[in-house]
Structure formats: C-alpha cells, structure tokens
C-alpha cells in the first residue's frame, strides 16, 4: 500500500499547535510498523502560550485530525483520521 498525501491538524492539550501536509509517497509495509516524515507549520502563539505548563507535566494529550490519501496500484482513496492519545513527555 502507498500513502500518497496527508492533510492533518495537530492539537496538544486541546490547543491548536499546527497543520501538516505531505505529498511525498511513502510505502506502507504489510502488517508492520512504519514512520511517516512530516513537516508541521507551527502556530507559535499557541505553542508559547502553553510552554510553561508543558515543562511541568509528565504527559500530554495529543489529537490529530484530518485526511490521508492512500491506495494501491494507482487507485487511491481518502480516509478520515481522528486520533487522540496520551503521550509521555519529559522536557528535561
């Protein structure tokens, strides 16, 4: 399978952090873990507004929502993405 495109919004602790788009095709191996290189356009106002809180916590809530385009044999389909999870976080 191939991942053709991403269009995602990223939130940390319910605060909008940034947006990412990716149009580089990435091969997704069957039944295994994989990484996707992403560049994020960060909203620095929201990032700095919550920087002190982020330094003091041990975990953060991450939310990613948007769409990806994936497929096989040059047949692609859009899939909605909605992920929420707690990630361990240590600034130091």
Protein backbone atom coordinates (compact mmCIF):
# COMPACT_ATOMS: atom_id res chain seq x y z
CA UNK A 1 0.00 0.00 0.00
CA UNK A 2 1.13 3.58 -0.61
CA UNK A 3 0.42 6.71 1.41
CA UNK A 4 0.13 9.49 -1.14
CA UNK A 5 -0.90 12.57 0.84
CA UNK A 6 -1.68 13.83 4.36
CA UNK A 7 -3.63 16.91 5.47
CA UNK A 8 -3.71 16.98 9.28
CA UNK A 9 -4.33 19.42 12.15
CA UNK A 10 -2.39 18.81 15.37
CA UNK A 11 -3.59 19.71 18.87
CA UNK A 12 -1.74 19.39 22.19
CA UNK A 13 -3.87 19.51 25.34
CA UNK A 14 -6.83 20.76 23.23
CA UNK A 15 -4.79 23.71 21.90
CA UNK A 16 -4.19 24.02 18.16
CA UNK A 17 -0.45 23.66 17.51
CA UNK A 18 -0.19 23.46 13.75
CA UNK A 19 -1.00 21.94 10.40
CA UNK A 20 0.87 19.43 8.30
CA UNK A 21 0.62 18.41 4.70
CA UNK A 22 2.73 15.78 3.00
CA UNK A 23 2.65 14.89 -0.68
CA UNK A 24 5.61 12.53 -0.83
CA UNK A 25 4.60 8.92 -1.47
CA UNK A 26 5.51 6.57 1.37
CA UNK A 27 5.38 2.79 1.02
CA UNK A 28 3.45 1.13 3.87
CA UNK A 29 4.70 -2.42 4.50
CA UNK A 30 2.07 -5.09 5.21
CA UNK A 31 1.39 -5.85 8.88
CA UNK A 32 4.29 -3.85 10.30
CA UNK A 33 5.05 -0.52 11.92
CA UNK A 34 6.25 2.36 9.77
CA UNK A 35 7.24 6.02 10.06
CA UNK A 36 5.99 8.95 8.03
CA UNK A 37 8.21 12.03 7.70
CA UNK A 38 6.11 15.15 8.35
CA UNK A 39 6.80 18.87 8.48
CA UNK A 40 4.46 20.87 10.70
CA UNK A 41 3.60 24.55 10.27
CA UNK A 42 3.55 25.55 13.95
CA UNK A 43 1.36 28.33 15.36
CA UNK A 44 4.00 29.86 17.65
CA UNK A 45 1.45 31.98 19.60
CA UNK A 46 -0.36 28.88 20.86
CA UNK A 47 2.89 26.99 21.40
CA UNK A 48 4.49 29.67 23.62
CA UNK A 49 1.22 30.35 25.45
CA UNK A 50 1.35 26.84 26.95
CA UNK A 51 5.13 26.36 27.16
CA UNK A 52 5.42 26.71 30.96
CA UNK A 53 2.67 24.16 31.56
CA UNK A 54 4.34 21.74 29.13
CA UNK A 55 7.61 21.93 31.05
CA UNK A 56 5.94 20.87 34.30
CA UNK A 57 3.81 17.93 33.11
CA UNK A 58 4.81 14.28 32.66
CA UNK A 59 2.38 13.52 29.83
CA UNK A 60 0.47 15.44 27.18
CA UNK A 61 -2.74 14.76 25.30
CA UNK A 62 -2.26 14.71 21.53
CA UNK A 63 -5.08 14.95 19.00
CA UNK A 64 -4.61 14.61 15.24
CA UNK A 65 -7.49 15.08 12.81
CA UNK A 66 -7.78 15.43 9.07
CA UNK A 67 -7.49 13.24 5.98
CA UNK A 68 -4.99 10.98 4.29
CA UNK A 69 -4.96 9.64 0.75
CA UNK A 70 -3.77 6.06 0.39
CA UNK A 71 -4.13 3.19 -2.03
CA UNK A 72 -2.56 0.53 -4.16
CA UNK A 73 -1.95 0.01 -7.89
CA UNK A 74 -2.61 3.71 -8.65
CA UNK A 75 -6.10 3.55 -7.12
CA UNK A 76 -6.28 5.96 -4.16
CA UNK A 77 -8.99 6.80 -1.66
CA UNK A 78 -9.34 9.48 1.02
CA UNK A 79 -9.57 8.29 4.63
CA UNK A 80 -10.58 10.47 7.59
CA UNK A 81 -8.14 10.43 10.51
CA UNK A 82 -9.10 11.10 14.12
CA UNK A 83 -6.56 10.14 16.78
CA UNK A 84 -6.45 11.08 20.46
CA UNK A 85 -3.95 9.74 22.94
CA UNK A 86 -1.78 10.45 25.93
CA UNK A 87 1.96 10.57 25.30
CA UNK A 88 4.65 10.51 27.98
CA UNK A 89 6.55 13.80 27.85
CA UNK A 90 9.70 15.00 29.53
CA UNK A 91 11.19 18.35 28.68
CA UNK A 92 14.41 17.53 30.52
